Amino acid sequence: MTLPHRAMPAVAPELLADHAAEVAPRLLNKLLACADGRVGRIVEVEAYAGAEDPAAHSFRGPTARNATMFGPAGHLYVYLSHGIHHCANVVCAGPGHGVLIRALHPLSGLAAMREQRPGCLRDRDLCRGPGRLARAMAIDRRHDGLDLLGGSGPYRLVDDGTPPPLTALATPRIGIRRAAERPWRWLVPGDPCVSGPRAAPAPTR
């Protein structure tokens, strides 16, 4: 990764202007970049769809905790899971819709990521899972609501021209109890940084 954080073009806003289940696979192979040089390629995502999705934080409507999910698309929604791990989500156009970034493939700034995760023995595990990637990228609740497309904050969602995989694998979501059967988890086939099962019942565009 040679382009500095501010030199890389932001993801086009229209890419996020749909239902979360449409947006999620489009985010595969986009980059999450930090101003300090940490960059990871998105290789695993999950969609959460507001009032139609019992697994979504936004299912019962807006609250102080989930207010960002009802705001503009392209902002960062950060929540604390089980009081331990932060999770990073990209807000979509649908009310209460968001895409959880489940895994990144680290591209640059690995030394800084290792400082955040001193117990990690393999680089492939630095951002393998939503809690790990948030820690490696130093994302927490302070960053909830940041504009990832055009803001002045430290994080941006950017595009280096790599398209999503032609056959992104779709599987049921993992780590949830409600509506877990929906095939709303997508991953880049064969990537070693994917956090969960690498098999899928069927490919999807």
N, C-alpha and C. Protein backbone atom coordinates (compact mmCIF):
# COMPACT_ATOMS: atom_id res chain seq x y z
N MET A 1 0.86 -1.18 0.00
CA MET A 1 0.00 0.00 0.00
C MET A 1 0.89 1.23 0.00
N THR A 2 0.88 1.99 -1.06
CA THR A 2 1.76 3.13 -1.19
C THR A 2 1.03 4.46 -1.11
N LEU A 3 -0.26 4.49 -1.42
CA LEU A 3 -0.99 5.74 -1.39
C LEU A 3 -1.26 6.16 0.05
N PRO A 4 -0.99 7.45 0.40
CA PRO A 4 -1.32 7.91 1.75
C PRO A 4 -2.83 7.96 1.95
N HIS A 5 -3.19 8.01 3.21
CA HIS A 5 -4.60 7.98 3.62
C HIS A 5 -5.47 8.96 2.84
N ARG A 6 -5.06 10.21 2.72
CA ARG A 6 -5.90 11.24 2.10
C ARG A 6 -5.84 11.21 0.58
N ALA A 7 -4.89 10.47 0.01
CA ALA A 7 -4.77 10.44 -1.45
C ALA A 7 -5.69 9.43 -2.10
N MET A 8 -6.16 8.45 -1.32
CA MET A 8 -7.02 7.42 -1.88
C MET A 8 -8.45 7.94 -2.00
N PRO A 9 -9.15 7.67 -3.11
CA PRO A 9 -10.52 8.16 -3.27
C PRO A 9 -11.49 7.45 -2.35
N ALA A 10 -12.44 8.21 -1.81
CA ALA A 10 -13.47 7.62 -0.96
C ALA A 10 -14.40 6.76 -1.80
N VAL A 11 -15.02 5.80 -1.18
CA VAL A 11 -16.05 4.99 -1.82
C VAL A 11 -17.17 5.91 -2.30
N ALA A 12 -17.71 5.64 -3.47
CA ALA A 12 -18.79 6.46 -4.02
C ALA A 12 -20.03 6.36 -3.14
N PRO A 13 -20.67 7.48 -2.79
CA PRO A 13 -21.84 7.43 -1.91
C PRO A 13 -22.96 6.56 -2.44
N GLU A 14 -23.13 6.51 -3.77
CA GLU A 14 -24.23 5.71 -4.32
C GLU A 14 -24.06 4.22 -4.06
N LEU A 15 -22.85 3.79 -3.77
CA LEU A 15 -22.63 2.38 -3.45
C LEU A 15 -23.35 1.99 -2.16
N LEU A 16 -23.58 2.97 -1.30
CA LEU A 16 -24.21 2.71 0.00
C LEU A 16 -25.70 3.02 0.00
N ALA A 17 -26.23 3.45 -1.12
CA ALA A 17 -27.61 3.95 -1.18
C ALA A 17 -28.62 2.85 -1.46
N ASP A 18 -28.55 1.76 -0.70
CA ASP A 18 -29.46 0.62 -0.91
C ASP A 18 -29.67 -0.11 0.41
N HIS A 19 -30.50 -1.13 0.34
CA HIS A 19 -30.69 -2.07 1.45
C HIS A 19 -29.33 -2.64 1.86
N ALA A 20 -29.17 -2.88 3.16
CA ALA A 20 -27.88 -3.37 3.66
C ALA A 20 -27.43 -4.66 2.99
N ALA A 21 -28.39 -5.54 2.63
CA ALA A 21 -28.03 -6.80 1.98
C ALA A 21 -27.55 -6.61 0.55
N GLU A 22 -27.85 -5.46 -0.04
CA GLU A 22 -27.30 -5.12 -1.36
C GLU A 22 -25.93 -4.47 -1.20
N VAL A 23 -25.79 -3.65 -0.17
CA VAL A 23 -24.55 -2.91 0.02
C VAL A 23 -23.42 -3.82 0.50
N ALA A 24 -23.72 -4.74 1.39
CA ALA A 24 -22.68 -5.52 2.05
C ALA A 24 -21.69 -6.18 1.08
N PRO A 25 -22.14 -6.96 0.08
CA PRO A 25 -21.15 -7.59 -0.80
C PRO A 25 -20.37 -6.59 -1.65
N ARG A 26 -20.94 -5.39 -1.85
CA ARG A 26 -20.22 -4.36 -2.61
C ARG A 26 -19.01 -3.83 -1.85
N LEU A 27 -19.04 -3.97 -0.52
CA LEU A 27 -17.94 -3.45 0.28
C LEU A 27 -16.74 -4.38 0.32
N LEU A 28 -16.90 -5.62 -0.12
CA LEU A 28 -15.77 -6.53 -0.16
C LEU A 28 -14.68 -5.97 -1.08
N ASN A 29 -13.47 -6.01 -0.60
CA ASN A 29 -12.27 -5.51 -1.27
C ASN A 29 -12.12 -3.99 -1.24
N LYS A 30 -13.07 -3.28 -0.61
CA LYS A 30 -12.82 -1.87 -0.32
C LYS A 30 -11.86 -1.80 0.86
N LEU A 31 -11.36 -0.61 1.15
CA LEU A 31 -10.35 -0.44 2.19
C LEU A 31 -10.86 0.40 3.34
N LEU A 32 -10.53 0.00 4.55
CA LEU A 32 -10.72 0.84 5.72
C LEU A 32 -9.34 1.39 6.08
N ALA A 33 -9.23 2.72 6.04
CA ALA A 33 -7.92 3.36 6.21
C ALA A 33 -7.94 4.31 7.39
N CYS A 34 -6.85 4.33 8.12
CA CYS A 34 -6.66 5.23 9.25
C CYS A 34 -5.60 6.26 8.89
N ALA A 35 -5.72 7.45 9.45
CA ALA A 35 -4.80 8.54 9.12
C ALA A 35 -3.35 8.23 9.50
N ASP A 36 -3.14 7.29 10.42
CA ASP A 36 -1.77 6.98 10.82
C ASP A 36 -1.10 5.95 9.93
N GLY A 37 -1.77 5.54 8.85
CA GLY A 37 -1.17 4.61 7.90
C GLY A 37 -1.66 3.19 7.99
N ARG A 38 -2.49 2.87 8.97
CA ARG A 38 -3.06 1.52 9.04
C ARG A 38 -4.15 1.38 7.99
N VAL A 39 -4.04 0.35 7.17
CA VAL A 39 -5.01 0.11 6.11
C VAL A 39 -5.29 -1.38 6.05
N GLY A 40 -6.58 -1.74 5.93
CA GLY A 40 -6.96 -3.13 5.76
C GLY A 40 -8.00 -3.27 4.68
N ARG A 41 -7.91 -4.37 3.93
CA ARG A 41 -8.90 -4.65 2.90
C ARG A 41 -10.06 -5.43 3.51
N ILE A 42 -11.29 -5.01 3.22
CA ILE A 42 -12.47 -5.65 3.79
C ILE A 42 -12.68 -7.00 3.09
N VAL A 43 -12.67 -8.07 3.90
CA VAL A 43 -12.79 -9.42 3.32
C VAL A 43 -13.97 -10.20 3.87
N GLU A 44 -14.69 -9.62 4.85
CA GLU A 44 -15.85 -10.31 5.42
C GLU A 44 -16.80 -9.27 6.00
N VAL A 45 -18.08 -9.40 5.67
CA VAL A 45 -19.09 -8.43 6.12
C VAL A 45 -20.39 -9.15 6.47
N GLU A 46 -21.25 -8.46 7.23
CA GLU A 46 -22.60 -8.93 7.49
C GLU A 46 -23.56 -7.76 7.38
N ALA A 47 -24.75 -8.02 6.84
CA ALA A 47 -25.79 -6.99 6.70
C ALA A 47 -26.78 -7.07 7.86
N TYR A 48 -27.22 -5.89 8.31
CA TYR A 48 -28.26 -5.77 9.34
C TYR A 48 -29.25 -4.71 8.87
N ALA A 49 -30.55 -5.06 8.94
CA ALA A 49 -31.54 -4.31 8.18
C ALA A 49 -32.69 -3.74 9.00
N GLY A 50 -32.38 -3.02 10.03
CA GLY A 50 -33.37 -2.22 10.73
C GLY A 50 -34.60 -2.97 11.20
N ALA A 51 -35.77 -2.38 10.95
CA ALA A 51 -37.04 -2.89 11.49
C ALA A 51 -37.43 -4.25 10.93
N GLU A 52 -36.84 -4.68 9.84
CA GLU A 52 -37.17 -5.99 9.28
C GLU A 52 -36.23 -7.09 9.78
N ASP A 53 -35.33 -6.75 10.68
CA ASP A 53 -34.27 -7.67 11.06
C ASP A 53 -34.15 -7.74 12.58
N PRO A 54 -34.69 -8.81 13.20
CA PRO A 54 -34.63 -8.93 14.67
C PRO A 54 -33.22 -8.96 15.24
N ALA A 55 -32.21 -9.23 14.41
CA ALA A 55 -30.83 -9.27 14.89
C ALA A 55 -30.17 -7.90 14.91
N ALA A 56 -30.82 -6.91 14.29
CA ALA A 56 -30.22 -5.57 14.20
C ALA A 56 -30.42 -4.79 15.49
N HIS A 57 -29.43 -4.01 15.88
CA HIS A 57 -29.57 -3.12 17.04
C HIS A 57 -30.69 -2.11 16.83
N SER A 58 -31.00 -1.84 15.59
CA SER A 58 -32.00 -0.82 15.23
C SER A 58 -33.40 -1.40 15.06
N PHE A 59 -33.59 -2.66 15.38
CA PHE A 59 -34.86 -3.34 15.12
C PHE A 59 -36.04 -2.63 15.78
N ARG A 60 -35.87 -2.14 16.98
CA ARG A 60 -36.97 -1.51 17.72
C ARG A 60 -36.97 0.01 17.59
N GLY A 61 -36.19 0.53 16.68
CA GLY A 61 -36.20 1.97 16.45
C GLY A 61 -35.00 2.67 17.06
N PRO A 62 -34.92 3.99 16.85
CA PRO A 62 -33.75 4.73 17.32
C PRO A 62 -33.68 4.86 18.84
N THR A 63 -32.46 4.79 19.34
CA THR A 63 -32.16 5.01 20.75
C THR A 63 -30.88 5.85 20.80
N ALA A 64 -30.49 6.24 22.01
CA ALA A 64 -29.24 6.99 22.15
C ALA A 64 -28.06 6.16 21.67
N ARG A 65 -28.13 4.85 21.88
CA ARG A 65 -27.02 3.98 21.50
C ARG A 65 -26.89 3.83 19.99
N ASN A 66 -28.02 3.66 19.30
CA ASN A 66 -27.96 3.32 17.88
C ASN A 66 -28.31 4.48 16.95
N ALA A 67 -28.35 5.70 17.46
CA ALA A 67 -28.80 6.85 16.68
C ALA A 67 -28.05 7.00 15.37
N THR A 68 -26.78 6.66 15.34
CA THR A 68 -25.99 6.80 14.12
C THR A 68 -26.56 5.97 12.98
N MET A 69 -27.18 4.83 13.29
CA MET A 69 -27.73 3.97 12.25
C MET A 69 -28.92 4.60 11.53
N PHE A 70 -29.50 5.63 12.12
CA PHE A 70 -30.63 6.31 11.49
C PHE A 70 -30.20 7.64 10.87
N GLY A 71 -28.91 7.84 10.81
CA GLY A 71 -28.37 9.06 10.21
C GLY A 71 -27.89 8.83 8.79
N PRO A 72 -27.02 9.69 8.29
CA PRO A 72 -26.58 9.60 6.90
C PRO A 72 -25.78 8.33 6.61
N ALA A 73 -25.96 7.82 5.41
CA ALA A 73 -25.14 6.69 4.96
C ALA A 73 -23.68 7.12 4.87
N GLY A 74 -22.81 6.15 5.09
CA GLY A 74 -21.38 6.42 5.00
C GLY A 74 -20.75 6.82 6.31
N HIS A 75 -21.54 6.84 7.38
CA HIS A 75 -20.97 7.13 8.69
C HIS A 75 -20.62 5.84 9.41
N LEU A 76 -19.78 5.96 10.42
CA LEU A 76 -19.30 4.82 11.18
C LEU A 76 -20.16 4.64 12.42
N TYR A 77 -20.76 3.46 12.57
CA TYR A 77 -21.50 3.11 13.78
C TYR A 77 -20.65 2.15 14.58
N VAL A 78 -20.33 2.53 15.80
CA VAL A 78 -19.49 1.70 16.66
C VAL A 78 -20.26 1.36 17.94
N TYR A 79 -20.30 0.08 18.28
CA TYR A 79 -20.94 -0.34 19.52
C TYR A 79 -20.01 -1.28 20.28
N LEU A 80 -20.30 -1.42 21.56
CA LEU A 80 -19.53 -2.31 22.42
C LEU A 80 -20.30 -3.61 22.58
N SER A 81 -19.68 -4.72 22.20
CA SER A 81 -20.32 -6.03 22.25
C SER A 81 -19.95 -6.76 23.53
N HIS A 82 -20.99 -7.16 24.29
CA HIS A 82 -20.80 -7.93 25.52
C HIS A 82 -19.90 -7.20 26.52
N GLY A 83 -19.85 -5.88 26.41
CA GLY A 83 -19.05 -5.10 27.33
C GLY A 83 -17.56 -5.25 27.16
N ILE A 84 -17.12 -5.87 26.04
CA ILE A 84 -15.70 -6.20 25.87
C ILE A 84 -15.15 -5.66 24.55
N HIS A 85 -15.79 -6.04 23.43
CA HIS A 85 -15.24 -5.77 22.11
C HIS A 85 -16.03 -4.69 21.39
N HIS A 86 -15.34 -3.75 20.78
CA HIS A 86 -16.00 -2.80 19.91
C HIS A 86 -16.16 -3.42 18.52
N CYS A 87 -17.22 -3.00 17.84
CA CYS A 87 -17.50 -3.48 16.48
C CYS A 87 -17.78 -2.28 15.59
N ALA A 88 -17.26 -2.32 14.37
CA ALA A 88 -17.36 -1.20 13.43
C ALA A 88 -18.33 -1.54 12.31
N ASN A 89 -19.24 -0.63 12.03
CA ASN A 89 -20.27 -0.82 11.00
C ASN A 89 -20.33 0.39 10.09
N VAL A 90 -20.66 0.14 8.83
CA VAL A 90 -20.88 1.21 7.86
C VAL A 90 -22.38 1.40 7.72
N VAL A 91 -22.87 2.62 7.96
CA VAL A 91 -24.29 2.92 7.85
C VAL A 91 -24.70 2.98 6.39
N CYS A 92 -25.87 2.38 6.07
CA CYS A 92 -26.41 2.37 4.71
C CYS A 92 -27.62 3.29 4.63
N ALA A 93 -28.20 3.40 3.44
CA ALA A 93 -29.29 4.34 3.22
C ALA A 93 -30.59 3.92 3.88
N GLY A 94 -30.86 2.63 4.00
CA GLY A 94 -32.10 2.19 4.63
C GLY A 94 -32.15 2.59 6.09
N PRO A 95 -33.32 2.96 6.62
CA PRO A 95 -33.41 3.37 8.02
C PRO A 95 -32.96 2.27 8.96
N GLY A 96 -31.94 2.57 9.74
CA GLY A 96 -31.42 1.58 10.67
C GLY A 96 -30.58 0.49 10.03
N HIS A 97 -30.22 0.66 8.77
CA HIS A 97 -29.43 -0.36 8.07
C HIS A 97 -27.93 -0.11 8.26
N GLY A 98 -27.20 -1.20 8.40
CA GLY A 98 -25.75 -1.10 8.52
C GLY A 98 -25.07 -2.38 8.10
N VAL A 99 -23.78 -2.27 7.81
CA VAL A 99 -22.96 -3.42 7.44
C VAL A 99 -21.83 -3.56 8.46
N LEU A 100 -21.83 -4.67 9.16
CA LEU A 100 -20.76 -4.96 10.10
C LEU A 100 -19.52 -5.42 9.33
N ILE A 101 -18.40 -4.78 9.61
CA ILE A 101 -17.13 -5.22 9.02
C ILE A 101 -16.57 -6.30 9.94
N ARG A 102 -16.59 -7.53 9.46
CA ARG A 102 -16.19 -8.66 10.29
C ARG A 102 -14.69 -8.96 10.21
N ALA A 103 -14.04 -8.65 9.10
CA ALA A 103 -12.62 -8.97 8.99
C ALA A 103 -11.96 -8.08 7.95
N LEU A 104 -10.70 -7.75 8.23
CA LEU A 104 -9.84 -7.02 7.30
C LEU A 104 -8.61 -7.87 7.00
N HIS A 105 -8.11 -7.72 5.78
CA HIS A 105 -6.79 -8.27 5.44
C HIS A 105 -5.80 -7.11 5.57
N PRO A 106 -4.91 -7.13 6.58
CA PRO A 106 -4.00 -6.00 6.80
C PRO A 106 -3.09 -5.75 5.60
N LEU A 107 -2.97 -4.48 5.22
CA LEU A 107 -2.13 -4.11 4.08
C LEU A 107 -0.96 -3.24 4.49
N SER A 108 -1.17 -2.31 5.41
CA SER A 108 -0.08 -1.44 5.85
C SER A 108 -0.33 -1.02 7.28
N GLY A 109 0.72 -0.49 7.90
CA GLY A 109 0.62 -0.10 9.30
C GLY A 109 0.55 -1.29 10.24
N LEU A 110 1.12 -2.41 9.84
CA LEU A 110 1.02 -3.62 10.67
C LEU A 110 1.73 -3.46 12.01
N ALA A 111 2.81 -2.69 12.06
CA ALA A 111 3.50 -2.49 13.33
C ALA A 111 2.58 -1.83 14.35
N ALA A 112 1.81 -0.83 13.89
CA ALA A 112 0.86 -0.16 14.79
C ALA A 112 -0.26 -1.12 15.20
N MET A 113 -0.70 -1.97 14.28
CA MET A 113 -1.72 -2.96 14.63
C MET A 113 -1.20 -3.93 15.68
N ARG A 114 0.06 -4.35 15.54
CA ARG A 114 0.63 -5.29 16.50
C ARG A 114 0.74 -4.65 17.89
N GLU A 115 1.00 -3.35 17.95
CA GLU A 115 1.05 -2.67 19.23
C GLU A 115 -0.31 -2.70 19.92
N GLN A 116 -1.37 -2.62 19.13
CA GLN A 116 -2.72 -2.67 19.69
C GLN A 116 -3.10 -4.08 20.12
N ARG A 117 -2.48 -5.09 19.46
CA ARG A 117 -2.81 -6.49 19.77
C ARG A 117 -1.51 -7.26 20.06
N PRO A 118 -0.88 -6.97 21.21
CA PRO A 118 0.43 -7.55 21.50
C PRO A 118 0.43 -9.07 21.64
N GLY A 119 -0.71 -9.67 21.93
CA GLY A 119 -0.75 -11.12 22.08
C GLY A 119 -0.97 -11.87 20.78
N CYS A 120 -1.15 -11.16 19.68
CA CYS A 120 -1.42 -11.81 18.40
C CYS A 120 -0.13 -12.37 17.81
N LEU A 121 -0.12 -13.66 17.51
CA LEU A 121 1.08 -14.33 17.04
C LEU A 121 1.22 -14.34 15.53
N ARG A 122 0.09 -14.17 14.81
CA ARG A 122 0.14 -14.23 13.35
C ARG A 122 -0.52 -12.99 12.77
N ASP A 123 0.10 -12.40 11.75
CA ASP A 123 -0.45 -11.20 11.13
C ASP A 123 -1.83 -11.45 10.53
N ARG A 124 -2.08 -12.66 10.08
CA ARG A 124 -3.38 -12.97 9.49
C ARG A 124 -4.50 -12.86 10.51
N ASP A 125 -4.15 -12.90 11.80
CA ASP A 125 -5.15 -12.83 12.87
C ASP A 125 -5.33 -11.42 13.43
N LEU A 126 -4.57 -10.46 12.96
CA LEU A 126 -4.64 -9.12 13.53
C LEU A 126 -6.04 -8.53 13.45
N CYS A 127 -6.69 -8.70 12.32
CA CYS A 127 -8.02 -8.12 12.08
C CYS A 127 -9.03 -9.20 11.72
N ARG A 128 -8.84 -10.37 12.24
CA ARG A 128 -9.67 -11.53 11.92
C ARG A 128 -10.81 -11.65 12.93
N GLY A 129 -11.91 -10.99 12.64
CA GLY A 129 -13.04 -10.91 13.55
C GLY A 129 -13.32 -9.47 13.91
N PRO A 130 -14.59 -9.11 14.16
CA PRO A 130 -14.95 -7.70 14.36
C PRO A 130 -14.31 -7.06 15.58
N GLY A 131 -14.18 -7.81 16.68
CA GLY A 131 -13.53 -7.24 17.85
C GLY A 131 -12.04 -7.05 17.66
N ARG A 132 -11.41 -8.01 17.03
CA ARG A 132 -9.97 -7.91 16.78
C ARG A 132 -9.65 -6.75 15.85
N LEU A 133 -10.44 -6.61 14.78
CA LEU A 133 -10.12 -5.53 13.83
C LEU A 133 -10.32 -4.16 14.46
N ALA A 134 -11.37 -4.01 15.30
CA ALA A 134 -11.57 -2.72 15.95
C ALA A 134 -10.40 -2.39 16.87
N ARG A 135 -9.90 -3.41 17.57
CA ARG A 135 -8.75 -3.17 18.45
C ARG A 135 -7.51 -2.86 17.63
N ALA A 136 -7.26 -3.63 16.57
CA ALA A 136 -6.07 -3.40 15.75
C ALA A 136 -6.09 -2.02 15.10
N MET A 137 -7.29 -1.56 14.73
CA MET A 137 -7.43 -0.25 14.09
C MET A 137 -7.68 0.87 15.11
N ALA A 138 -7.72 0.51 16.42
CA ALA A 138 -7.94 1.48 17.50
C ALA A 138 -9.27 2.21 17.35
N ILE A 139 -10.31 1.47 16.97
CA ILE A 139 -11.66 2.03 16.83
C ILE A 139 -12.44 1.74 18.11
N ASP A 140 -13.09 2.77 18.65
CA ASP A 140 -13.95 2.58 19.82
C ASP A 140 -15.12 3.55 19.76
N ARG A 141 -15.88 3.63 20.83
CA ARG A 141 -17.11 4.43 20.83
C ARG A 141 -16.85 5.92 20.58
N ARG A 142 -15.65 6.38 20.81
CA ARG A 142 -15.33 7.78 20.50
C ARG A 142 -15.51 8.08 19.02
N HIS A 143 -15.43 7.04 18.18
CA HIS A 143 -15.49 7.24 16.74
C HIS A 143 -16.88 7.02 16.16
N ASP A 144 -17.84 6.70 17.02
CA ASP A 144 -19.21 6.53 16.55
C ASP A 144 -19.71 7.82 15.90
N GLY A 145 -20.26 7.68 14.69
CA GLY A 145 -20.80 8.83 13.98
C GLY A 145 -19.84 9.51 13.02
N LEU A 146 -18.60 9.07 12.95
CA LEU A 146 -17.65 9.68 12.03
C LEU A 146 -18.08 9.48 10.58
N ASP A 147 -17.87 10.51 9.77
CA ASP A 147 -18.13 10.43 8.33
C ASP A 147 -16.95 9.74 7.66
N LEU A 148 -17.20 8.56 7.10
CA LEU A 148 -16.13 7.77 6.46
C LEU A 148 -15.85 8.18 5.03
N LEU A 149 -16.71 9.00 4.44
CA LEU A 149 -16.57 9.35 3.03
C LEU A 149 -15.97 10.73 2.80
N GLY A 150 -16.42 11.70 3.56
CA GLY A 150 -15.96 13.06 3.29
C GLY A 150 -15.59 13.84 4.52
N GLY A 151 -15.51 13.18 5.65
CA GLY A 151 -15.23 13.88 6.90
C GLY A 151 -13.74 14.10 7.12
N SER A 152 -13.45 14.80 8.21
CA SER A 152 -12.06 15.11 8.55
C SER A 152 -11.52 14.20 9.64
N GLY A 153 -12.29 13.16 10.00
CA GLY A 153 -11.87 12.25 11.05
C GLY A 153 -10.74 11.34 10.61
N PRO A 154 -10.25 10.52 11.52
CA PRO A 154 -9.07 9.68 11.23
C PRO A 154 -9.35 8.46 10.37
N TYR A 155 -10.62 8.11 10.15
CA TYR A 155 -10.93 6.89 9.39
C TYR A 155 -11.69 7.23 8.11
N ARG A 156 -11.36 6.49 7.05
CA ARG A 156 -12.05 6.67 5.79
C ARG A 156 -12.30 5.30 5.15
N LEU A 157 -13.38 5.23 4.37
CA LEU A 157 -13.71 4.06 3.57
C LEU A 157 -13.31 4.40 2.15
N VAL A 158 -12.31 3.71 1.64
CA VAL A 158 -11.71 4.13 0.37
C VAL A 158 -11.67 2.98 -0.63
N ASP A 159 -11.38 3.36 -1.87
CA ASP A 159 -11.43 2.43 -3.00
C ASP A 159 -10.14 2.54 -3.78
N ASP A 160 -9.38 1.44 -3.86
CA ASP A 160 -8.14 1.46 -4.64
C ASP A 160 -8.33 0.84 -6.01
N GLY A 161 -9.59 0.64 -6.42
CA GLY A 161 -9.87 0.11 -7.75
C GLY A 161 -10.05 -1.38 -7.81
N THR A 162 -9.85 -2.09 -6.70
CA THR A 162 -10.05 -3.53 -6.68
C THR A 162 -11.54 -3.83 -6.58
N PRO A 163 -12.13 -4.53 -7.55
CA PRO A 163 -13.57 -4.80 -7.50
C PRO A 163 -13.90 -5.89 -6.49
N PRO A 164 -15.16 -5.98 -6.09
CA PRO A 164 -15.58 -7.12 -5.27
C PRO A 164 -15.35 -8.42 -6.04
N PRO A 165 -15.20 -9.52 -5.34
CA PRO A 165 -15.02 -10.80 -6.05
C PRO A 165 -16.25 -11.13 -6.89
N LEU A 166 -16.01 -11.75 -8.04
CA LEU A 166 -17.13 -12.12 -8.91
C LEU A 166 -18.05 -13.12 -8.25
N THR A 167 -17.50 -13.95 -7.40
CA THR A 167 -18.30 -14.95 -6.69
C THR A 167 -18.05 -14.84 -5.20
N ALA A 168 -18.51 -13.73 -4.61
CA ALA A 168 -18.41 -13.59 -3.16
C ALA A 168 -19.26 -14.67 -2.50
N LEU A 169 -18.71 -15.32 -1.50
CA LEU A 169 -19.44 -16.40 -0.84
C LEU A 169 -20.44 -15.82 0.16
N ALA A 170 -21.66 -16.33 0.12
CA ALA A 170 -22.71 -15.92 1.04
C ALA A 170 -23.02 -17.06 2.00
N THR A 171 -23.12 -16.75 3.29
CA THR A 171 -23.44 -17.75 4.30
C THR A 171 -24.42 -17.13 5.29
N PRO A 172 -25.04 -17.93 6.14
CA PRO A 172 -25.80 -17.36 7.26
C PRO A 172 -24.88 -16.53 8.16
N ARG A 173 -25.46 -15.55 8.81
CA ARG A 173 -24.68 -14.74 9.76
C ARG A 173 -24.26 -15.60 10.95
N ILE A 174 -23.20 -15.20 11.61
CA ILE A 174 -22.68 -15.99 12.71
C ILE A 174 -22.63 -15.15 13.98
N GLY A 175 -22.62 -15.83 15.13
CA GLY A 175 -22.51 -15.15 16.40
C GLY A 175 -23.78 -14.46 16.87
N ILE A 176 -24.93 -14.79 16.25
CA ILE A 176 -26.21 -14.20 16.66
C ILE A 176 -27.22 -15.32 16.87
N ARG A 177 -28.33 -15.01 17.54
CA ARG A 177 -29.38 -16.00 17.78
C ARG A 177 -30.61 -15.75 16.92
N ARG A 178 -30.98 -14.50 16.75
CA ARG A 178 -32.20 -14.18 16.00
C ARG A 178 -31.89 -14.03 14.51
N ALA A 179 -32.79 -14.54 13.69
CA ALA A 179 -32.66 -14.44 12.23
C ALA A 179 -31.29 -14.88 11.73
N ALA A 180 -30.71 -15.86 12.41
CA ALA A 180 -29.37 -16.32 12.06
C ALA A 180 -29.35 -17.09 10.74
N GLU A 181 -30.52 -17.52 10.28
CA GLU A 181 -30.56 -18.32 9.05
C GLU A 181 -30.43 -17.48 7.78
N ARG A 182 -30.58 -16.18 7.89
CA ARG A 182 -30.51 -15.35 6.69
C ARG A 182 -29.09 -15.37 6.12
N PRO A 183 -28.94 -15.57 4.82
CA PRO A 183 -27.59 -15.66 4.22
C PRO A 183 -27.01 -14.27 3.97
N TRP A 184 -26.82 -13.51 5.03
CA TRP A 184 -26.41 -12.12 4.93
C TRP A 184 -24.98 -11.89 5.39
N ARG A 185 -24.17 -12.91 5.33
CA ARG A 185 -22.73 -12.78 5.57
C ARG A 185 -22.02 -13.09 4.26
N TRP A 186 -21.09 -12.20 3.88
CA TRP A 186 -20.34 -12.39 2.63
C TRP A 186 -18.86 -12.34 2.93
N LEU A 187 -18.10 -13.11 2.17
CA LEU A 187 -16.65 -13.13 2.37
C LEU A 187 -15.92 -13.31 1.05
N VAL A 188 -14.67 -12.91 1.05
CA VAL A 188 -13.81 -13.09 -0.11
C VAL A 188 -13.31 -14.53 -0.10
N PRO A 189 -13.61 -15.31 -1.14
CA PRO A 189 -13.23 -16.73 -1.13
C PRO A 189 -11.72 -16.92 -0.96
N GLY A 190 -11.37 -17.82 -0.05
CA GLY A 190 -9.97 -18.20 0.11
C GLY A 190 -9.11 -17.24 0.91
N ASP A 191 -9.65 -16.11 1.35
CA ASP A 191 -8.81 -15.18 2.09
C ASP A 191 -8.51 -15.73 3.49
N PRO A 192 -7.24 -15.73 3.92
CA PRO A 192 -6.88 -16.33 5.20
C PRO A 192 -7.33 -15.53 6.41
N CYS A 193 -7.79 -14.29 6.20
CA CYS A 193 -8.16 -13.43 7.32
C CYS A 193 -9.64 -13.49 7.66
N VAL A 194 -10.41 -14.28 6.93
CA VAL A 194 -11.84 -14.44 7.23
C VAL A 194 -11.99 -15.04 8.61
N SER A 195 -12.99 -14.56 9.37
CA SER A 195 -13.08 -14.91 10.79
C SER A 195 -13.84 -16.19 11.08
N GLY A 196 -14.77 -16.58 10.21
CA GLY A 196 -15.61 -17.73 10.50
C GLY A 196 -15.52 -18.78 9.41
N PRO A 197 -16.57 -19.59 9.25
CA PRO A 197 -16.57 -20.64 8.23
C PRO A 197 -16.29 -20.08 6.84
N ARG A 198 -15.45 -20.79 6.10
CA ARG A 198 -15.06 -20.33 4.76
C ARG A 198 -15.85 -21.03 3.66
N ALA A 199 -16.75 -21.92 4.04
CA ALA A 199 -17.58 -22.60 3.06
C ALA A 199 -18.92 -21.88 2.97
N ALA A 200 -19.65 -22.09 1.89
CA ALA A 200 -20.92 -21.41 1.69
C ALA A 200 -21.86 -22.31 0.90
N PRO A 201 -23.16 -22.15 1.11
CA PRO A 201 -24.10 -22.98 0.36
C PRO A 201 -24.19 -22.61 -1.11
N ALA A 202 -23.92 -21.35 -1.45
CA ALA A 202 -24.05 -20.94 -2.84
C ALA A 202 -23.34 -19.62 -3.05
N PRO A 203 -22.76 -19.38 -4.25
CA PRO A 203 -22.14 -18.09 -4.52
C PRO A 203 -23.17 -17.03 -4.87
N THR A 204 -22.80 -15.78 -4.72
CA THR A 204 -23.67 -14.67 -5.09
C THR A 204 -22.83 -13.56 -5.68
N ARG A 205 -23.41 -12.78 -6.55
CA ARG A 205 -22.71 -11.65 -7.14
C ARG A 205 -22.65 -10.51 -6.13
